[in-house]
Amino acid sequence: MSLTPEDVVNKRFQPTKFREGYDQDEVDDFLDEIVVELRRLTQENEDLRQRLLSSEGRINELQRGGGAITNTASIPAVSAVVDPGSAFPEAMSDPSALDGNNTNNLLQLARKLHDEHVKEGLEKREALIAEGHATASRIVREAEAQHKANMSRLEQEKGLIEHKIQELLAFEREYRLKLKTYIESQLSDLEANTPSGNQTALG
């Protein structure tokens, strides 16, 4: 699935509990930079496509004209993309390569230049998309690992608390039993001593 600027803008990460995690503002700023660059590359790619279509249209016109350039004023529009002399010095060193009666070299140059521009734009876009995917995947993996670690720690704390509660309940039962035994023992002693005390008083 291709990634668009809108996909990045609309992406929402689920908040997690009991962890510090990443600074939300830093994540948002980074995603904003990705969106800006994606939109720039998308626009650049679209511009290159339009220029390519325009050049192809001009090429078709020249081909329909039988290979003769009927309007010399239109030549700079093609060569304005990149100076042929600087890009292909070997062509400029051979005057016959740009013979006015033969436009094949010029047409091939235009095609090659536009193909290179389009290829470069696509490569930049794909590289940025891949980087965005890798960064998003890394953030998700690290967030999941942090969440798992937090849950494991909470489970351990829960087990310790439950164990402590069981110890307190056992202590309470034992204390109640001992208290009950002590009270019953005291009552038995009191009942055993009461008749003897009464007989002494009557005598």
C-alpha atoms as a PDB file:
ATOM      1  CA  MET A   1       0.000   0.000   0.000  1.00  0.00           C
ATOM      2  CA  SER A   2       1.469   3.413  -0.992  1.00  0.00           C
ATOM      3  CA  LEU A   3       1.855   6.091   1.655  1.00  0.00           C
ATOM      4  CA  THR A   4       0.364   9.550   1.057  1.00  0.00           C
ATOM      5  CA  PRO A   5       0.737  12.773   3.071  1.00  0.00           C
ATOM      6  CA  GLU A   6      -2.844  12.335   4.230  1.00  0.00           C
ATOM      7  CA  ASP A   7      -1.981   8.875   5.620  1.00  0.00           C
ATOM      8  CA  VAL A   8       0.726  10.438   7.778  1.00  0.00           C
ATOM      9  CA  VAL A   9      -1.515  13.344   8.879  1.00  0.00           C
ATOM     10  CA  ASN A  10      -4.376  11.026   9.819  1.00  0.00           C
ATOM     11  CA  LYS A  11      -2.216   8.397  11.545  1.00  0.00           C
ATOM     12  CA  ARG A  12      -3.147   8.056  15.213  1.00  0.00           C
ATOM     13  CA  PHE A  13      -1.128   6.053  17.744  1.00  0.00           C
ATOM     14  CA  GLN A  14      -2.975   4.399  20.601  1.00  0.00           C
ATOM     15  CA  PRO A  15      -1.971   5.943  23.953  1.00  0.00           C
ATOM     16  CA  THR A  16      -0.489   3.548  26.480  1.00  0.00           C
ATOM     17  CA  LYS A  17      -0.696   3.605  30.241  1.00  0.00           C
ATOM     18  CA  PHE A  18       1.950   3.261  32.921  1.00  0.00           C
ATOM     19  CA  ARG A  19       4.870   4.338  30.729  1.00  0.00           C
ATOM     20  CA  GLU A  20       6.761   7.474  29.775  1.00  0.00           C
ATOM     21  CA  GLY A  21       7.138   6.617  26.077  1.00  0.00           C
ATOM     22  CA  TYR A  22       8.092   9.225  23.427  1.00  0.00           C
ATOM     23  CA  ASP A  23       7.513  12.946  23.628  1.00  0.00           C
ATOM     24  CA  GLN A  24       4.281  13.482  21.691  1.00  0.00           C
ATOM     25  CA  ASP A  25       5.371  16.899  20.390  1.00  0.00           C
ATOM     26  CA  GLU A  26       8.610  15.476  18.972  1.00  0.00           C
ATOM     27  CA  VAL A  27       6.718  12.681  17.214  1.00  0.00           C
ATOM     28  CA  ASP A  28       4.199  15.188  15.794  1.00  0.00           C
ATOM     29  CA  ASP A  29       6.972  17.525  14.603  1.00  0.00           C
ATOM     30  CA  PHE A  30       8.759  14.654  12.861  1.00  0.00           C
ATOM     31  CA  LEU A  31       5.551  13.502  11.164  1.00  0.00           C
ATOM     32  CA  ASP A  32       4.899  17.116  10.064  1.00  0.00           C
ATOM     33  CA  GLU A  33       8.330  17.181   8.413  1.00  0.00           C
ATOM     34  CA  ILE A  34       7.530  13.919   6.632  1.00  0.00           C
ATOM     35  CA  VAL A  35       4.211  15.354   5.383  1.00  0.00           C
ATOM     36  CA  VAL A  36       5.903  18.514   4.054  1.00  0.00           C
ATOM     37  CA  GLU A  37       8.578  16.509   2.231  1.00  0.00           C
ATOM     38  CA  LEU A  38       6.038  14.033   0.834  1.00  0.00           C
ATOM     39  CA  ARG A  39       3.923  16.872  -0.526  1.00  0.00           C
ATOM     40  CA  ARG A  40       6.973  18.567  -2.021  1.00  0.00           C
ATOM     41  CA  LEU A  41       8.098  15.380  -3.743  1.00  0.00           C
ATOM     42  CA  THR A  42       4.559  14.638  -4.913  1.00  0.00           C
ATOM     43  CA  GLN A  43       4.302  18.120  -6.447  1.00  0.00           C
ATOM     44  CA  GLU A  44       7.776  17.810  -7.960  1.00  0.00           C
ATOM     45  CA  ASN A  45       6.833  14.442  -9.452  1.00  0.00           C
ATOM     46  CA  GLU A  46       3.637  15.912 -10.882  1.00  0.00           C
ATOM     47  CA  ASP A  47       5.582  18.828 -12.393  1.00  0.00           C
ATOM     48  CA  LEU A  48       8.006  16.392 -13.994  1.00  0.00           C
ATOM     49  CA  ARG A  49       5.118  14.386 -15.442  1.00  0.00           C
ATOM     50  CA  GLN A  50       3.611  17.550 -16.935  1.00  0.00           C
ATOM     51  CA  ARG A  51       6.948  18.548 -18.422  1.00  0.00           C
ATOM     52  CA  LEU A  52       7.383  15.059 -19.834  1.00  0.00           C
ATOM     53  CA  LEU A  53       3.912  15.138 -21.389  1.00  0.00           C
ATOM     54  CA  SER A  54       4.653  18.557 -22.868  1.00  0.00           C
ATOM     55  CA  SER A  55       7.935  17.332 -24.323  1.00  0.00           C
ATOM     56  CA  GLU A  56       6.313  14.191 -25.703  1.00  0.00           C
ATOM     57  CA  GLY A  57       3.702  16.367 -27.352  1.00  0.00           C
ATOM     58  CA  ARG A  58       6.430  18.493 -28.891  1.00  0.00           C
ATOM     59  CA  ILE A  59       8.273  15.348 -30.000  1.00  0.00           C
ATOM     60  CA  ASN A  60       5.139  14.038 -31.691  1.00  0.00           C
ATOM     61  CA  GLU A  61       4.712  17.368 -33.480  1.00  0.00           C
ATOM     62  CA  LEU A  62       8.291  17.239 -34.730  1.00  0.00           C
ATOM     63  CA  GLN A  63       7.890  13.640 -35.863  1.00  0.00           C
ATOM     64  CA  ARG A  64       4.689  14.465 -37.714  1.00  0.00           C
ATOM     65  CA  GLY A  65       6.544  17.311 -39.396  1.00  0.00           C
ATOM     66  CA  GLY A  66       8.889  14.798 -41.031  1.00  0.00           C
ATOM     67  CA  GLY A  67      11.851  15.509 -38.774  1.00  0.00           C
ATOM     68  CA  ALA A  68      12.256  19.147 -39.854  1.00  0.00           C
ATOM     69  CA  ILE A  69      12.203  21.922 -37.251  1.00  0.00           C
ATOM     70  CA  THR A  70       9.692  24.442 -38.574  1.00  0.00           C
ATOM     71  CA  ASN A  71       9.769  26.758 -35.577  1.00  0.00           C
ATOM     72  CA  THR A  72      13.288  27.433 -34.268  1.00  0.00           C
ATOM     73  CA  ALA A  73      11.921  29.619 -31.451  1.00  0.00           C
ATOM     74  CA  SER A  74      10.618  26.488 -29.712  1.00  0.00           C
ATOM     75  CA  ILE A  75      14.066  24.856 -29.396  1.00  0.00           C
ATOM     76  CA  PRO A  76      15.038  26.700 -26.158  1.00  0.00           C
ATOM     77  CA  ALA A  77      11.895  25.339 -24.491  1.00  0.00           C
ATOM     78  CA  VAL A  78      13.368  21.849 -24.751  1.00  0.00           C
ATOM     79  CA  SER A  79      16.986  22.713 -24.071  1.00  0.00           C
ATOM     80  CA  ALA A  80      16.053  24.931 -21.084  1.00  0.00           C
ATOM     81  CA  VAL A  81      15.671  21.854 -18.913  1.00  0.00           C
ATOM     82  CA  VAL A  82      19.440  21.190 -18.881  1.00  0.00           C
ATOM     83  CA  ASP A  83      22.200  22.719 -20.999  1.00  0.00           C
ATOM     84  CA  PRO A  84      23.042  19.986 -23.551  1.00  0.00           C
ATOM     85  CA  GLY A  85      26.592  21.299 -23.804  1.00  0.00           C
ATOM     86  CA  SER A  86      27.249  20.757 -20.117  1.00  0.00           C
ATOM     87  CA  ALA A  87      25.331  17.473 -19.846  1.00  0.00           C
ATOM     88  CA  PHE A  88      26.647  15.893 -23.071  1.00  0.00           C
ATOM     89  CA  PRO A  89      29.891  17.593 -24.162  1.00  0.00           C
ATOM     90  CA  GLU A  90      30.615  14.811 -26.624  1.00  0.00           C
ATOM     91  CA  ALA A  91      27.502  15.780 -28.579  1.00  0.00           C
ATOM     92  CA  MET A  92      28.517  19.452 -28.735  1.00  0.00           C
ATOM     93  CA  SER A  93      32.037  18.548 -29.881  1.00  0.00           C
ATOM     94  CA  ASP A  94      30.528  16.926 -32.976  1.00  0.00           C
ATOM     95  CA  PRO A  95      28.508  19.533 -34.914  1.00  0.00           C
ATOM     96  CA  SER A  96      26.963  16.869 -37.092  1.00  0.00           C
ATOM     97  CA  ALA A  97      25.260  15.423 -34.007  1.00  0.00           C
ATOM     98  CA  LEU A  98      22.955  18.451 -33.887  1.00  0.00           C
ATOM     99  CA  ASP A  99      22.447  18.942 -37.583  1.00  0.00           C
ATOM    100  CA  GLY A 100      19.520  21.244 -38.212  1.00  0.00           C
ATOM    101  CA  ASN A 101      18.129  18.777 -40.718  1.00  0.00           C
ATOM    102  CA  ASN A 102      18.117  15.912 -38.234  1.00  0.00           C
ATOM    103  CA  THR A 103      16.389  16.258 -34.853  1.00  0.00           C
ATOM    104  CA  ASN A 104      16.848  12.675 -33.681  1.00  0.00           C
ATOM    105  CA  ASN A 105      19.685  13.543 -31.306  1.00  0.00           C
ATOM    106  CA  LEU A 106      17.737  16.455 -29.873  1.00  0.00           C
ATOM    107  CA  LEU A 107      14.648  14.318 -29.368  1.00  0.00           C
ATOM    108  CA  GLN A 108      16.664  11.571 -27.706  1.00  0.00           C
ATOM    109  CA  LEU A 109      18.302  14.143 -25.440  1.00  0.00           C
ATOM    110  CA  ALA A 110      14.922  15.531 -24.407  1.00  0.00           C
ATOM    111  CA  ARG A 111      13.589  12.061 -23.669  1.00  0.00           C
ATOM    112  CA  LYS A 112      16.679  11.125 -21.666  1.00  0.00           C
ATOM    113  CA  LEU A 113      16.656  14.311 -19.609  1.00  0.00           C
ATOM    114  CA  HIS A 114      13.005  13.974 -18.707  1.00  0.00           C
ATOM    115  CA  ASP A 115      13.368  10.280 -17.938  1.00  0.00           C
ATOM    116  CA  GLU A 116      16.222  11.096 -15.577  1.00  0.00           C
ATOM    117  CA  HIS A 117      14.209  13.825 -13.850  1.00  0.00           C
ATOM    118  CA  VAL A 118      11.217  11.558 -13.391  1.00  0.00           C
ATOM    119  CA  LYS A 119      13.398   8.687 -12.165  1.00  0.00           C
ATOM    120  CA  GLU A 120      15.166  10.944  -9.658  1.00  0.00           C
ATOM    121  CA  GLY A 121      11.859  12.257  -8.329  1.00  0.00           C
ATOM    122  CA  LEU A 122      10.454   8.755  -7.952  1.00  0.00           C
ATOM    123  CA  GLU A 123      13.599   7.526  -6.203  1.00  0.00           C
ATOM    124  CA  LYS A 124      13.484  10.412  -3.731  1.00  0.00           C
ATOM    125  CA  ARG A 125       9.822   9.806  -3.040  1.00  0.00           C
ATOM    126  CA  GLU A 126      10.315   6.063  -2.539  1.00  0.00           C
ATOM    127  CA  ALA A 127      13.303   6.669  -0.254  1.00  0.00           C
ATOM    128  CA  LEU A 128      11.331   9.088   1.911  1.00  0.00           C
ATOM    129  CA  ILE A 129       8.337   6.759   2.055  1.00  0.00           C
ATOM    130  CA  ALA A 130      10.591   3.851   3.039  1.00  0.00           C
ATOM    131  CA  GLU A 131      12.211   5.985   5.732  1.00  0.00           C
ATOM    132  CA  GLY A 132       8.797   7.016   7.039  1.00  0.00           C
ATOM    133  CA  HIS A 133       7.635   3.397   7.150  1.00  0.00           C
ATOM    134  CA  ALA A 134      10.825   2.324   8.931  1.00  0.00           C
ATOM    135  CA  THR A 135      10.541   5.102  11.508  1.00  0.00           C
ATOM    136  CA  ALA A 136       6.868   4.409  12.154  1.00  0.00           C
ATOM    137  CA  SER A 137       7.551   0.671  12.487  1.00  0.00           C
ATOM    138  CA  ARG A 138      10.412   1.322  14.904  1.00  0.00           C
ATOM    139  CA  ILE A 139       8.257   3.603  17.055  1.00  0.00           C
ATOM    140  CA  VAL A 140       5.473   1.004  17.132  1.00  0.00           C
ATOM    141  CA  ARG A 141       7.900  -1.821  18.002  1.00  0.00           C
ATOM    142  CA  GLU A 142       9.506   0.162  20.800  1.00  0.00           C
ATOM    143  CA  ALA A 143       6.122   1.240  22.138  1.00  0.00           C
ATOM    144  CA  GLU A 144       4.888  -2.361  22.124  1.00  0.00           C
ATOM    145  CA  ALA A 145       8.063  -3.558  23.858  1.00  0.00           C
ATOM    146  CA  GLN A 146       7.710  -0.855  26.508  1.00  0.00           C
ATOM    147  CA  HIS A 147       4.063  -1.740  27.006  1.00  0.00           C
ATOM    148  CA  LYS A 148       4.922  -5.438  27.360  1.00  0.00           C
ATOM    149  CA  ALA A 149       7.625  -4.646  29.920  1.00  0.00           C
ATOM    150  CA  ASN A 150       5.234  -2.459  31.898  1.00  0.00           C
ATOM    151  CA  MET A 151       2.543  -5.132  31.874  1.00  0.00           C
ATOM    152  CA  SER A 152       5.053  -7.749  33.067  1.00  0.00           C
ATOM    153  CA  ARG A 153       6.150  -5.475  35.903  1.00  0.00           C
ATOM    154  CA  LEU A 154       2.546  -4.798  36.891  1.00  0.00           C
ATOM    155  CA  GLU A 155       1.783  -8.524  36.876  1.00  0.00           C
ATOM    156  CA  GLN A 156       4.705  -9.141  39.222  1.00  0.00           C
ATOM    157  CA  GLU A 157       3.568  -6.361  41.530  1.00  0.00           C
ATOM    158  CA  LYS A 158       0.044  -7.757  41.458  1.00  0.00           C
ATOM    159  CA  GLY A 159       1.341 -11.214  42.435  1.00  0.00           C
ATOM    160  CA  LEU A 160       3.312  -9.762  45.349  1.00  0.00           C
ATOM    161  CA  ILE A 161       0.292  -7.819  46.587  1.00  0.00           C
ATOM    162  CA  GLU A 162      -1.968 -10.861  46.344  1.00  0.00           C
ATOM    163  CA  HIS A 163       0.609 -12.933  48.253  1.00  0.00           C
ATOM    164  CA  LYS A 164       0.787 -10.271  50.955  1.00  0.00           C
ATOM    165  CA  ILE A 165      -3.000 -10.226  51.227  1.00  0.00           C
ATOM    166  CA  GLN A 166      -3.056 -14.001  51.683  1.00  0.00           C
ATOM    167  CA  GLU A 167      -0.454 -13.709  54.436  1.00  0.00           C
ATOM    168  CA  LEU A 168      -2.523 -11.053  56.202  1.00  0.00           C
ATOM    169  CA  LEU A 169      -5.680 -13.164  55.930  1.00  0.00           C
ATOM    170  CA  ALA A 170      -3.850 -16.188  57.350  1.00  0.00           C
ATOM    171  CA  PHE A 171      -2.513 -14.064  60.200  1.00  0.00           C
ATOM    172  CA  GLU A 172      -6.016 -12.764  60.896  1.00  0.00           C
ATOM    173  CA  ARG A 173      -7.470 -16.273  61.024  1.00  0.00           C
ATOM    174  CA  GLU A 174      -4.704 -17.474  63.319  1.00  0.00           C
ATOM    175  CA  TYR A 175      -5.069 -14.440  65.566  1.00  0.00           C
ATOM    176  CA  ARG A 176      -8.840 -14.876  65.790  1.00  0.00           C
ATOM    177  CA  LEU A 177      -8.412 -18.561  66.642  1.00  0.00           C
ATOM    178  CA  LYS A 178      -5.884 -17.834  69.371  1.00  0.00           C
ATOM    179  CA  LEU A 179      -8.035 -15.033  70.765  1.00  0.00           C
ATOM    180  CA  LYS A 180     -11.087 -17.284  70.792  1.00  0.00           C
ATOM    181  CA  THR A 181      -9.136 -20.056  72.528  1.00  0.00           C
ATOM    182  CA  TYR A 182      -7.808 -17.633  75.110  1.00  0.00           C
ATOM    183  CA  ILE A 183     -11.244 -16.197  75.858  1.00  0.00           C
ATOM    184  CA  GLU A 184     -12.798 -19.645  76.154  1.00  0.00           C
ATOM    185  CA  SER A 185      -9.985 -20.689  78.489  1.00  0.00           C
ATOM    186  CA  GLN A 186     -10.548 -17.667  80.680  1.00  0.00           C
ATOM    187  CA  LEU A 187     -14.285 -18.315  80.809  1.00  0.00           C
ATOM    188  CA  SER A 188     -13.680 -21.947  81.756  1.00  0.00           C
ATOM    189  CA  ASP A 189     -11.367 -20.909  84.576  1.00  0.00           C
ATOM    190  CA  LEU A 190     -13.882 -18.350  85.760  1.00  0.00           C
ATOM    191  CA  GLU A 191     -16.705 -20.884  85.796  1.00  0.00           C
ATOM    192  CA  ALA A 192     -14.517 -23.427  87.611  1.00  0.00           C
ATOM    193  CA  ASN A 193     -13.643 -20.975  90.358  1.00  0.00           C
ATOM    194  CA  THR A 194     -17.091 -19.496  90.876  1.00  0.00           C
ATOM    195  CA  PRO A 195     -18.769 -22.409  92.887  1.00  0.00           C
ATOM    196  CA  SER A 196     -15.841 -22.677  95.295  1.00  0.00           C
ATOM    197  CA  GLY A 197     -15.986 -19.012  96.005  1.00  0.00           C
ATOM    198  CA  ASN A 198     -19.698 -19.133  96.746  1.00  0.00           C
ATOM    199  CA  GLN A 199     -19.350 -22.039  99.231  1.00  0.00           C
ATOM    200  CA  THR A 200     -16.650 -20.195 101.136  1.00  0.00           C
ATOM    201  CA  ALA A 201     -18.874 -17.183 101.435  1.00  0.00           C
ATOM    202  CA  LEU A 202     -21.787 -19.273 102.803  1.00  0.00           C
ATOM    203  CA  GLY A 203     -19.614 -21.016 105.440  1.00  0.00           C
END
